[in-house]
């Protein structure tokens, strides 16, 4: 029987998948003026990773939403699904140069989308019963700035660095 990660991986269009060749996933900010340019994540386990933050010719990421409604069209820079022995960890990741709090809505919309992806993969694997844990991660140049009670779930890390993937969810 396929792993749940394999079932998830099969549902994604290759244009949205993040490469994990060489055991590294690299998230890159496309905005040339961004101070938070990239993050590299070393992986040692099987994952599937996607970016909804793609500008693809003729391809609107959320084609069923009104393109002028900015709220419903927000999206994180990356979603990484990690299947562990007893749980599925979903890392919702955004790169923010200045204000990590501004990522909260993007991460919430991305959590809703990730739940949909998981539901679709469960159709192929209806016996999947692991606990699902969502982690909101923001890589930023403004570590420890603007923390409020509202963002207790939000974990911030310095950008333009390399991390081991497990550091994000342990």
Protein backbone atom coordinates (compact mmCIF):
# COMPACT_ATOMS: atom_id res chain seq x y z
CA UNK A 1 0.00 0.00 0.00
CA UNK A 2 1.25 3.49 -0.88
CA UNK A 3 2.16 5.93 1.83
CA UNK A 4 -0.21 8.80 2.38
CA UNK A 5 2.54 11.17 1.16
CA UNK A 6 2.56 9.26 -2.15
CA UNK A 7 -1.21 9.69 -2.43
CA UNK A 8 -0.86 13.42 -1.79
CA UNK A 9 2.01 13.73 -4.24
CA UNK A 10 -0.08 12.13 -7.00
CA UNK A 11 -2.80 14.80 -6.80
CA UNK A 12 -0.49 17.80 -7.40
CA UNK A 13 0.23 19.27 -10.82
CA UNK A 14 4.00 19.19 -11.34
CA UNK A 15 4.00 22.96 -12.01
CA UNK A 16 3.26 23.54 -8.32
CA UNK A 17 5.63 20.98 -6.81
CA UNK A 18 8.78 22.15 -5.08
CA UNK A 19 11.81 20.09 -5.98
CA UNK A 20 13.48 18.19 -3.19
CA UNK A 21 16.35 16.87 -5.25
CA UNK A 22 19.58 16.44 -3.37
CA UNK A 23 17.67 16.35 -0.10
CA UNK A 24 16.97 20.10 -0.11
CA UNK A 25 13.80 22.11 -0.63
CA UNK A 26 14.45 25.72 -1.54
CA UNK A 27 11.82 28.42 -1.09
CA UNK A 28 12.57 31.57 -3.06
CA UNK A 29 10.82 34.95 -2.93
CA UNK A 30 10.15 36.17 -6.47
CA UNK A 31 9.90 39.85 -5.48
CA UNK A 32 13.29 41.33 -6.45
CA UNK A 33 13.17 43.99 -3.72
CA UNK A 34 12.45 41.52 -0.88
CA UNK A 35 14.99 41.35 1.94
CA UNK A 36 13.85 37.82 2.75
CA UNK A 37 15.08 36.17 -0.46
CA UNK A 38 15.15 32.44 0.30
CA UNK A 39 15.29 29.55 2.72
CA UNK A 40 16.81 26.11 2.21
CA UNK A 41 15.42 23.13 4.08
CA UNK A 42 17.44 19.92 4.37
CA UNK A 43 15.16 16.90 4.35
CA UNK A 44 15.86 13.37 5.48
CA UNK A 45 12.34 11.96 5.31
CA UNK A 46 9.85 11.50 2.50
CA UNK A 47 7.82 14.66 1.95
CA UNK A 48 5.78 16.31 -0.70
CA UNK A 49 6.06 20.06 -1.07
CA UNK A 50 4.17 22.56 -3.17
CA UNK A 51 4.08 26.28 -3.75
CA UNK A 52 0.80 27.98 -4.47
CA UNK A 53 2.67 31.24 -5.01
CA UNK A 54 3.26 30.65 -8.71
CA UNK A 55 2.60 32.96 -11.59
CA UNK A 56 1.89 30.57 -14.42
CA UNK A 57 0.80 31.81 -17.81
CA UNK A 58 -2.87 31.00 -18.31
CA UNK A 59 -3.16 29.33 -14.90
CA UNK A 60 -4.88 31.03 -12.00
CA UNK A 61 -4.13 29.04 -8.82
CA UNK A 62 -7.68 29.45 -7.49
CA UNK A 63 -9.71 29.73 -10.72
CA UNK A 64 -13.03 29.30 -8.91
CA UNK A 65 -12.49 32.46 -6.79
CA UNK A 66 -13.05 36.02 -7.92
CA UNK A 67 -9.53 37.18 -8.95
CA UNK A 68 -10.24 40.67 -7.59
CA UNK A 69 -11.00 39.41 -4.07
CA UNK A 70 -7.55 39.60 -2.47
CA UNK A 71 -8.61 37.87 0.75
CA UNK A 72 -9.65 34.53 -0.78
CA UNK A 73 -6.72 34.54 -3.19
CA UNK A 74 -4.03 34.86 -0.53
CA UNK A 75 -1.59 31.97 -0.46
CA UNK A 76 1.53 30.89 1.36
CA UNK A 77 4.90 30.50 -0.33
CA UNK A 78 5.02 26.80 0.49
CA UNK A 79 3.13 23.87 1.96
CA UNK A 80 5.16 20.87 3.02
CA UNK A 81 3.52 17.60 4.03
CA UNK A 82 5.63 15.38 6.27
CA UNK A 83 4.37 11.91 7.16
CA UNK A 84 5.81 10.67 10.43
CA UNK A 85 5.16 7.34 12.11
CA UNK A 86 2.22 8.59 14.17
CA UNK A 87 1.13 11.84 12.49
CA UNK A 88 1.00 13.97 9.39
CA UNK A 89 2.65 17.36 9.87
CA UNK A 90 1.63 20.13 7.49
CA UNK A 91 4.02 23.07 7.39
CA UNK A 92 2.41 26.25 6.10
CA UNK A 93 5.31 28.52 5.18
CA UNK A 94 5.62 32.13 4.15
CA UNK A 95 8.60 34.41 3.56
CA UNK A 96 8.07 37.94 4.86
CA UNK A 97 10.74 40.62 4.79
CA UNK A 98 9.27 42.95 7.36
CA UNK A 99 6.01 42.05 9.06
CA UNK A 100 5.56 38.38 10.05
CA UNK A 101 2.07 39.09 11.45
CA UNK A 102 0.88 39.99 7.94
CA UNK A 103 1.26 36.31 6.96
CA UNK A 104 -1.49 35.08 9.28
CA UNK A 105 -4.34 35.40 6.74
CA UNK A 106 -2.24 33.82 4.00
CA UNK A 107 -1.40 30.90 6.25
CA UNK A 108 -5.03 30.42 7.29
CA UNK A 109 -6.22 30.36 3.66
CA UNK A 110 -3.42 27.89 2.87
CA UNK A 111 -4.48 25.68 5.80
CA UNK A 112 -7.98 25.51 4.33
CA UNK A 113 -6.54 24.54 0.94
CA UNK A 114 -4.23 21.95 2.56
CA UNK A 115 -7.25 20.42 4.30
CA UNK A 116 -8.91 20.09 0.92
CA UNK A 117 -5.82 18.36 -0.52
CA UNK A 118 -5.79 15.96 2.44
CA UNK A 119 -9.49 15.22 1.93
CA UNK A 120 -8.85 14.44 -1.73
CA UNK A 121 -5.97 12.08 -0.88
CA UNK A 122 -8.18 10.33 1.70
CA UNK A 123 -10.49 9.28 -1.13
CA UNK A 124 -7.69 7.03 -2.38
CA UNK A 125 -6.63 6.05 1.14
CA UNK A 126 -9.82 6.10 3.28
CA UNK A 127 -8.12 4.19 6.11
CA UNK A 128 -5.72 7.04 6.87
CA UNK A 129 -6.21 7.85 10.55
CA UNK A 130 -3.07 9.64 11.72
CA UNK A 131 -3.29 12.85 13.69
CA UNK A 132 -2.88 15.90 11.44
CA UNK A 133 -0.90 18.80 12.87
CA UNK A 134 -0.62 22.19 11.17
CA UNK A 135 2.36 24.45 11.84
CA UNK A 136 2.43 28.08 10.73
CA UNK A 137 5.98 29.12 9.87
CA UNK A 138 7.19 32.55 8.79
CA UNK A 139 10.74 33.22 7.72
CA UNK A 140 11.48 36.89 8.25
CA UNK A 141 14.12 39.54 8.79
CA UNK A 142 12.08 40.79 11.80
CA UNK A 143 12.50 38.05 14.41
CA UNK A 144 10.75 38.81 17.75
CA UNK A 145 9.00 41.91 16.40
CA UNK A 146 5.26 42.44 16.58
CA UNK A 147 4.35 39.32 18.54
CA UNK A 148 0.83 39.41 19.91
CA UNK A 149 -1.46 36.91 21.62
CA UNK A 150 -3.23 36.56 18.29
CA UNK A 151 -0.27 34.82 16.69
CA UNK A 152 0.69 32.26 19.35
CA UNK A 153 0.57 29.48 16.73
CA UNK A 154 2.95 31.41 14.47
CA UNK A 155 6.62 30.37 14.64
CA UNK A 156 9.20 32.73 13.18
CA UNK A 157 12.67 31.93 11.89
CA UNK A 158 15.35 34.07 10.28
CA UNK A 159 15.34 33.95 6.51
CA UNK A 160 18.22 33.70 4.03
CA UNK A 161 19.50 30.62 5.90
CA UNK A 162 19.48 26.85 5.77
CA UNK A 163 17.61 24.66 8.27
CA UNK A 164 16.95 21.00 8.82
CA UNK A 165 13.25 20.40 8.13
CA UNK A 166 12.61 18.79 11.52
CA UNK A 167 13.62 22.07 13.24
CA UNK A 168 10.35 23.56 11.98
CA UNK A 169 8.01 21.05 13.60
CA UNK A 170 9.78 19.71 16.70
